[in-house]
Amino acid sequence: MEWSPGEWVRTSRQYLSDVRSEMRKVTWPTQREYVGGTIGVVVILALMTLVLGIVDYVLAQGIRLIVP
């Protein structure tokens, strides 16, 4: 199937129209919701960093006991 320039333009316009239609259906979070979500992510990352740091320290001390 060959594509003519007019066909490409038509399908591109249809695609953009469909995208616009779908974006109107999206339920966007409120500022309070996304700030709360961001704070939650930062807290979880901080806790994971702390736990991994402790595990790394303990393993490093264990290696130092094994390998003088």
PDB file of N, CA and C in Angstrom:
ATOM      1  N   MET A   1       0.842  -1.174   0.000  1.00  0.00           N
ATOM      2  CA  MET A   1       0.000   0.000   0.000  1.00  0.00           C
ATOM      3  C   MET A   1       0.887   1.238   0.000  1.00  0.00           C
ATOM      4  N   GLU A   2       0.673   2.103  -0.950  1.00  0.00           N
ATOM      5  CA  GLU A   2       1.470   3.325  -1.025  1.00  0.00           C
ATOM      6  C   GLU A   2       0.790   4.445  -0.260  1.00  0.00           C
ATOM      7  N   TRP A   3       1.613   5.264   0.377  1.00  0.00           N
ATOM      8  CA  TRP A   3       1.109   6.402   1.133  1.00  0.00           C
ATOM      9  C   TRP A   3       1.327   7.663   0.321  1.00  0.00           C
ATOM     10  N   SER A   4       0.270   8.374   0.122  1.00  0.00           N
ATOM     11  CA  SER A   4       0.401   9.667  -0.546  1.00  0.00           C
ATOM     12  C   SER A   4       0.567  10.734   0.523  1.00  0.00           C
ATOM     13  N   PRO A   5       1.139  11.889   0.180  1.00  0.00           N
ATOM     14  CA  PRO A   5       1.289  12.958   1.175  1.00  0.00           C
ATOM     15  C   PRO A   5      -0.042  13.350   1.807  1.00  0.00           C
ATOM     16  N   GLY A   6      -1.112  13.360   1.030  1.00  0.00           N
ATOM     17  CA  GLY A   6      -2.427  13.704   1.579  1.00  0.00           C
ATOM     18  C   GLY A   6      -2.903  12.690   2.596  1.00  0.00           C
ATOM     19  N   GLU A   7      -2.629  11.420   2.355  1.00  0.00           N
ATOM     20  CA  GLU A   7      -3.025  10.351   3.280  1.00  0.00           C
ATOM     21  C   GLU A   7      -2.255  10.474   4.586  1.00  0.00           C
ATOM     22  N   TRP A   8      -0.989  10.787   4.498  1.00  0.00           N
ATOM     23  CA  TRP A   8      -0.149  10.952   5.695  1.00  0.00           C
ATOM     24  C   TRP A   8      -0.664  12.099   6.551  1.00  0.00           C
ATOM     25  N   VAL A   9      -1.006  13.193   5.910  1.00  0.00           N
ATOM     26  CA  VAL A   9      -1.530  14.355   6.644  1.00  0.00           C
ATOM     27  C   VAL A   9      -2.861  13.994   7.297  1.00  0.00           C
ATOM     28  N   ARG A  10      -3.734  13.315   6.573  1.00  0.00           N
ATOM     29  CA  ARG A  10      -5.043  12.943   7.104  1.00  0.00           C
ATOM     30  C   ARG A  10      -4.906  12.025   8.314  1.00  0.00           C
ATOM     31  N   THR A  11      -4.062  11.002   8.213  1.00  0.00           N
ATOM     32  CA  THR A  11      -3.903  10.072   9.335  1.00  0.00           C
ATOM     33  C   THR A  11      -3.223  10.747  10.519  1.00  0.00           C
ATOM     34  N   SER A  12      -2.310  11.662  10.261  1.00  0.00           N
ATOM     35  CA  SER A  12      -1.658  12.406  11.352  1.00  0.00           C
ATOM     36  C   SER A  12      -2.666  13.266  12.083  1.00  0.00           C
ATOM     37  N   ARG A  13      -3.521  13.942  11.336  1.00  0.00           N
ATOM     38  CA  ARG A  13      -4.557  14.772  11.968  1.00  0.00           C
ATOM     39  C   ARG A  13      -5.522  13.925  12.784  1.00  0.00           C
ATOM     40  N   GLN A  14      -5.885  12.768  12.255  1.00  0.00           N
ATOM     41  CA  GLN A  14      -6.796  11.877  12.976  1.00  0.00           C
ATOM     42  C   GLN A  14      -6.139  11.394  14.269  1.00  0.00           C
ATOM     43  N   TYR A  15      -4.867  11.038  14.188  1.00  0.00           N
ATOM     44  CA  TYR A  15      -4.139  10.576  15.369  1.00  0.00           C
ATOM     45  C   TYR A  15      -4.122  11.670  16.440  1.00  0.00           C
ATOM     46  N   LEU A  16      -3.765  12.899  16.049  1.00  0.00           N
ATOM     47  CA  LEU A  16      -3.712  14.006  17.008  1.00  0.00           C
ATOM     48  C   LEU A  16      -5.095  14.301  17.586  1.00  0.00           C
ATOM     49  N   SER A  17      -6.125  14.170  16.773  1.00  0.00           N
ATOM     50  CA  SER A  17      -7.492  14.361  17.259  1.00  0.00           C
ATOM     51  C   SER A  17      -7.838  13.300  18.300  1.00  0.00           C
ATOM     52  N   ASP A  18      -7.455  12.057  18.036  1.00  0.00           N
ATOM     53  CA  ASP A  18      -7.704  10.970  18.987  1.00  0.00           C
ATOM     54  C   ASP A  18      -6.944  11.183  20.291  1.00  0.00           C
ATOM     55  N   VAL A  19      -5.706  11.642  20.190  1.00  0.00           N
ATOM     56  CA  VAL A  19      -4.907  11.904  21.389  1.00  0.00           C
ATOM     57  C   VAL A  19      -5.569  12.998  22.215  1.00  0.00           C
ATOM     58  N   ARG A  20      -5.988  14.066  21.572  1.00  0.00           N
ATOM     59  CA  ARG A  20      -6.645  15.172  22.274  1.00  0.00           C
ATOM     60  C   ARG A  20      -7.911  14.677  22.973  1.00  0.00           C
ATOM     61  N   SER A  21      -8.685  13.839  22.292  1.00  0.00           N
ATOM     62  CA  SER A  21      -9.914  13.305  22.861  1.00  0.00           C
ATOM     63  C   SER A  21      -9.616  12.460  24.100  1.00  0.00           C
ATOM     64  N   GLU A  22      -8.604  11.626  24.020  1.00  0.00           N
ATOM     65  CA  GLU A  22      -8.248  10.773  25.166  1.00  0.00           C
ATOM     66  C   GLU A  22      -7.702  11.601  26.327  1.00  0.00           C
ATOM     67  N   MET A  23      -6.935  12.640  26.037  1.00  0.00           N
ATOM     68  CA  MET A  23      -6.376  13.471  27.104  1.00  0.00           C
ATOM     69  C   MET A  23      -7.478  14.206  27.871  1.00  0.00           C
ATOM     70  N   ARG A  24      -8.585  14.485  27.211  1.00  0.00           N
ATOM     71  CA  ARG A  24      -9.714  15.140  27.893  1.00  0.00           C
ATOM     72  C   ARG A  24     -10.379  14.185  28.890  1.00  0.00           C
ATOM     73  N   LYS A  25     -10.213  12.880  28.699  1.00  0.00           N
ATOM     74  CA  LYS A  25     -10.829  11.890  29.580  1.00  0.00           C
ATOM     75  C   LYS A  25      -9.993  11.615  30.829  1.00  0.00           C
ATOM     76  N   VAL A  26      -8.751  12.079  30.843  1.00  0.00           N
ATOM     77  CA  VAL A  26      -7.837  11.803  31.951  1.00  0.00           C
ATOM     78  C   VAL A  26      -8.303  12.541  33.197  1.00  0.00           C
ATOM     79  N   THR A  27      -8.290  11.853  34.317  1.00  0.00           N
ATOM     80  CA  THR A  27      -8.582  12.486  35.598  1.00  0.00           C
ATOM     81  C   THR A  27      -7.253  12.872  36.228  1.00  0.00           C
ATOM     82  N   TRP A  28      -6.961  14.146  36.223  1.00  0.00           N
ATOM     83  CA  TRP A  28      -5.683  14.627  36.735  1.00  0.00           C
ATOM     84  C   TRP A  28      -5.752  14.769  38.243  1.00  0.00           C
ATOM     85  N   PRO A  29      -4.660  14.462  38.957  1.00  0.00           N
ATOM     86  CA  PRO A  29      -4.673  14.591  40.418  1.00  0.00           C
ATOM     87  C   PRO A  29      -4.700  16.062  40.840  1.00  0.00           C
ATOM     88  N   THR A  30      -5.231  16.285  42.022  1.00  0.00           N
ATOM     89  CA  THR A  30      -5.223  17.639  42.570  1.00  0.00           C
ATOM     90  C   THR A  30      -3.815  17.936  43.081  1.00  0.00           C
ATOM     91  N   GLN A  31      -3.555  19.208  43.370  1.00  0.00           N
ATOM     92  CA  GLN A  31      -2.240  19.583  43.879  1.00  0.00           C
ATOM     93  C   GLN A  31      -1.953  18.851  45.184  1.00  0.00           C
ATOM     94  N   ARG A  32      -2.962  18.749  46.039  1.00  0.00           N
ATOM     95  CA  ARG A  32      -2.789  18.064  47.322  1.00  0.00           C
ATOM     96  C   ARG A  32      -2.398  16.603  47.110  1.00  0.00           C
ATOM     97  N   GLU A  33      -3.008  15.949  46.121  1.00  0.00           N
ATOM     98  CA  GLU A  33      -2.708  14.537  45.848  1.00  0.00           C
ATOM     99  C   GLU A  33      -1.291  14.358  45.328  1.00  0.00           C
ATOM    100  N   TYR A  34      -0.865  15.197  44.391  1.00  0.00           N
ATOM    101  CA  TYR A  34       0.479  14.959  43.864  1.00  0.00           C
ATOM    102  C   TYR A  34       1.569  15.425  44.810  1.00  0.00           C
ATOM    103  N   VAL A  35       1.295  16.422  45.654  1.00  0.00           N
ATOM    104  CA  VAL A  35       2.286  16.798  46.673  1.00  0.00           C
ATOM    105  C   VAL A  35       2.416  15.672  47.694  1.00  0.00           C
ATOM    106  N   GLY A  36       1.277  15.096  48.103  1.00  0.00           N
ATOM    107  CA  GLY A  36       1.301  13.966  49.037  1.00  0.00           C
ATOM    108  C   GLY A  36       2.037  12.770  48.454  1.00  0.00           C
ATOM    109  N   GLY A  37       1.797  12.499  47.180  1.00  0.00           N
ATOM    110  CA  GLY A  37       2.495  11.390  46.522  1.00  0.00           C
ATOM    111  C   GLY A  37       3.989  11.632  46.435  1.00  0.00           C
ATOM    112  N   THR A  38       4.371  12.866  46.136  1.00  0.00           N
ATOM    113  CA  THR A  38       5.794  13.202  46.050  1.00  0.00           C
ATOM    114  C   THR A  38       6.467  13.056  47.405  1.00  0.00           C
ATOM    115  N   ILE A  39       5.806  13.529  48.451  1.00  0.00           N
ATOM    116  CA  ILE A  39       6.373  13.393  49.804  1.00  0.00           C
ATOM    117  C   ILE A  39       6.505  11.911  50.157  1.00  0.00           C
ATOM    118  N   GLY A  40       5.512  11.115  49.806  1.00  0.00           N
ATOM    119  CA  GLY A  40       5.577   9.678  50.073  1.00  0.00           C
ATOM    120  C   GLY A  40       6.756   9.024  49.378  1.00  0.00           C
ATOM    121  N   VAL A  41       6.988   9.383  48.135  1.00  0.00           N
ATOM    122  CA  VAL A  41       8.113   8.816  47.388  1.00  0.00           C
ATOM    123  C   VAL A  41       9.444   9.227  48.028  1.00  0.00           C
ATOM    124  N   VAL A  42       9.565  10.484  48.417  1.00  0.00           N
ATOM    125  CA  VAL A  42      10.811  10.959  49.028  1.00  0.00           C
ATOM    126  C   VAL A  42      11.064  10.230  50.349  1.00  0.00           C
ATOM    127  N   VAL A  43      10.021  10.040  51.154  1.00  0.00           N
ATOM    128  CA  VAL A  43      10.175   9.341  52.443  1.00  0.00           C
ATOM    129  C   VAL A  43      10.608   7.889  52.207  1.00  0.00           C
ATOM    130  N   ILE A  44       9.971   7.210  51.278  1.00  0.00           N
ATOM    131  CA  ILE A  44      10.319   5.815  50.982  1.00  0.00           C
ATOM    132  C   ILE A  44      11.758   5.723  50.479  1.00  0.00           C
ATOM    133  N   LEU A  45      12.161   6.645  49.600  1.00  0.00           N
ATOM    134  CA  LEU A  45      13.544   6.637  49.101  1.00  0.00           C
ATOM    135  C   LEU A  45      14.539   6.876  50.233  1.00  0.00           C
ATOM    136  N   ALA A  46      14.203   7.779  51.151  1.00  0.00           N
ATOM    137  CA  ALA A  46      15.095   8.041  52.287  1.00  0.00           C
ATOM    138  C   ALA A  46      15.237   6.789  53.150  1.00  0.00           C
ATOM    139  N   LEU A  47      14.130   6.099  53.410  1.00  0.00           N
ATOM    140  CA  LEU A  47      14.187   4.880  54.219  1.00  0.00           C
ATOM    141  C   LEU A  47      14.986   3.780  53.509  1.00  0.00           C
ATOM    142  N   MET A  48      14.778   3.636  52.218  1.00  0.00           N
ATOM    143  CA  MET A  48      15.528   2.624  51.462  1.00  0.00           C
ATOM    144  C   MET A  48      17.019   2.947  51.461  1.00  0.00           C
ATOM    145  N   THR A  49      17.345   4.234  51.325  1.00  0.00           N
ATOM    146  CA  THR A  49      18.745   4.646  51.348  1.00  0.00           C
ATOM    147  C   THR A  49      19.373   4.321  52.697  1.00  0.00           C
ATOM    148  N   LEU A  50      18.652   4.602  53.775  1.00  0.00           N
ATOM    149  CA  LEU A  50      19.148   4.308  55.120  1.00  0.00           C
ATOM    150  C   LEU A  50      19.363   2.806  55.310  1.00  0.00           C
ATOM    151  N   VAL A  51      18.387   2.009  54.923  1.00  0.00           N
ATOM    152  CA  VAL A  51      18.499   0.546  55.086  1.00  0.00           C
ATOM    153  C   VAL A  51      19.660   0.007  54.263  1.00  0.00           C
ATOM    154  N   LEU A  52      19.766   0.423  53.000  1.00  0.00           N
ATOM    155  CA  LEU A  52      20.864  -0.068  52.157  1.00  0.00           C
ATOM    156  C   LEU A  52      22.224   0.406  52.673  1.00  0.00           C
ATOM    157  N   GLY A  53      22.276   1.608  53.226  1.00  0.00           N
ATOM    158  CA  GLY A  53      23.522   2.093  53.816  1.00  0.00           C
ATOM    159  C   GLY A  53      23.947   1.248  55.009  1.00  0.00           C
ATOM    160  N   ILE A  54      22.973   0.900  55.840  1.00  0.00           N
ATOM    161  CA  ILE A  54      23.272   0.058  57.010  1.00  0.00           C
ATOM    162  C   ILE A  54      23.724  -1.333  56.558  1.00  0.00           C
ATOM    163  N   VAL A  55      23.029  -1.917  55.593  1.00  0.00           N
ATOM    164  CA  VAL A  55      23.410  -3.236  55.076  1.00  0.00           C
ATOM    165  C   VAL A  55      24.818  -3.177  54.483  1.00  0.00           C
ATOM    166  N   ASP A  56      25.106  -2.138  53.729  1.00  0.00           N
ATOM    167  CA  ASP A  56      26.438  -1.987  53.138  1.00  0.00           C
ATOM    168  C   ASP A  56      27.512  -1.882  54.220  1.00  0.00           C
ATOM    169  N   TYR A  57      27.247  -1.101  55.265  1.00  0.00           N
ATOM    170  CA  TYR A  57      28.210  -0.949  56.354  1.00  0.00           C
ATOM    171  C   TYR A  57      28.457  -2.286  57.061  1.00  0.00           C
ATOM    172  N   VAL A  58      27.374  -3.000  57.354  1.00  0.00           N
ATOM    173  CA  VAL A  58      27.503  -4.289  58.051  1.00  0.00           C
ATOM    174  C   VAL A  58      28.292  -5.278  57.179  1.00  0.00           C
ATOM    175  N   LEU A  59      27.983  -5.347  55.900  1.00  0.00           N
ATOM    176  CA  LEU A  59      28.707  -6.261  55.021  1.00  0.00           C
ATOM    177  C   LEU A  59      30.179  -5.860  54.893  1.00  0.00           C
ATOM    178  N   ALA A  60      30.457  -4.569  54.835  1.00  0.00           N
ATOM    179  CA  ALA A  60      31.851  -4.111  54.746  1.00  0.00           C
ATOM    180  C   ALA A  60      32.618  -4.506  56.005  1.00  0.00           C
ATOM    181  N   GLN A  61      31.990  -4.370  57.169  1.00  0.00           N
ATOM    182  CA  GLN A  61      32.648  -4.766  58.419  1.00  0.00           C
ATOM    183  C   GLN A  61      32.877  -6.270  58.447  1.00  0.00           C
ATOM    184  N   GLY A  62      31.926  -7.037  57.929  1.00  0.00           N
ATOM    185  CA  GLY A  62      32.080  -8.485  57.866  1.00  0.00           C
ATOM    186  C   GLY A  62      33.232  -8.878  56.956  1.00  0.00           C
ATOM    187  N   ILE A  63      33.369  -8.212  55.832  1.00  0.00           N
ATOM    188  CA  ILE A  63      34.490  -8.492  54.904  1.00  0.00           C
ATOM    189  C   ILE A  63      35.806  -8.138  55.561  1.00  0.00           C
ATOM    190  N   ARG A  64      35.850  -7.039  56.323  1.00  0.00           N
ATOM    191  CA  ARG A  64      37.094  -6.650  56.998  1.00  0.00           C
ATOM    192  C   ARG A  64      37.518  -7.692  58.040  1.00  0.00           C
ATOM    193  N   LEU A  65      36.544  -8.375  58.658  1.00  0.00           N
ATOM    194  CA  LEU A  65      36.889  -9.419  59.623  1.00  0.00           C
ATOM    195  C   LEU A  65      37.431 -10.648  58.909  1.00  0.00           C
ATOM    196  N   ILE A  66      36.887 -10.935  57.722  1.00  0.00           N
ATOM    197  CA  ILE A  66      37.310 -12.123  56.980  1.00  0.00           C
ATOM    198  C   ILE A  66      38.643 -11.894  56.271  1.00  0.00           C
ATOM    199  N   VAL A  67      38.767 -10.710  55.611  1.00  0.00           N
ATOM    200  CA  VAL A  67      39.964 -10.405  54.836  1.00  0.00           C
ATOM    201  C   VAL A  67      40.722  -9.296  55.576  1.00  0.00           C
ATOM    202  N   PRO A  68      41.818  -9.651  56.223  1.00  0.00           N
ATOM    203  CA  PRO A  68      42.544  -8.626  57.003  1.00  0.00           C
ATOM    204  C   PRO A  68      43.226  -7.586  56.148  1.00  0.00           C
TER     205      PRO A  68
END
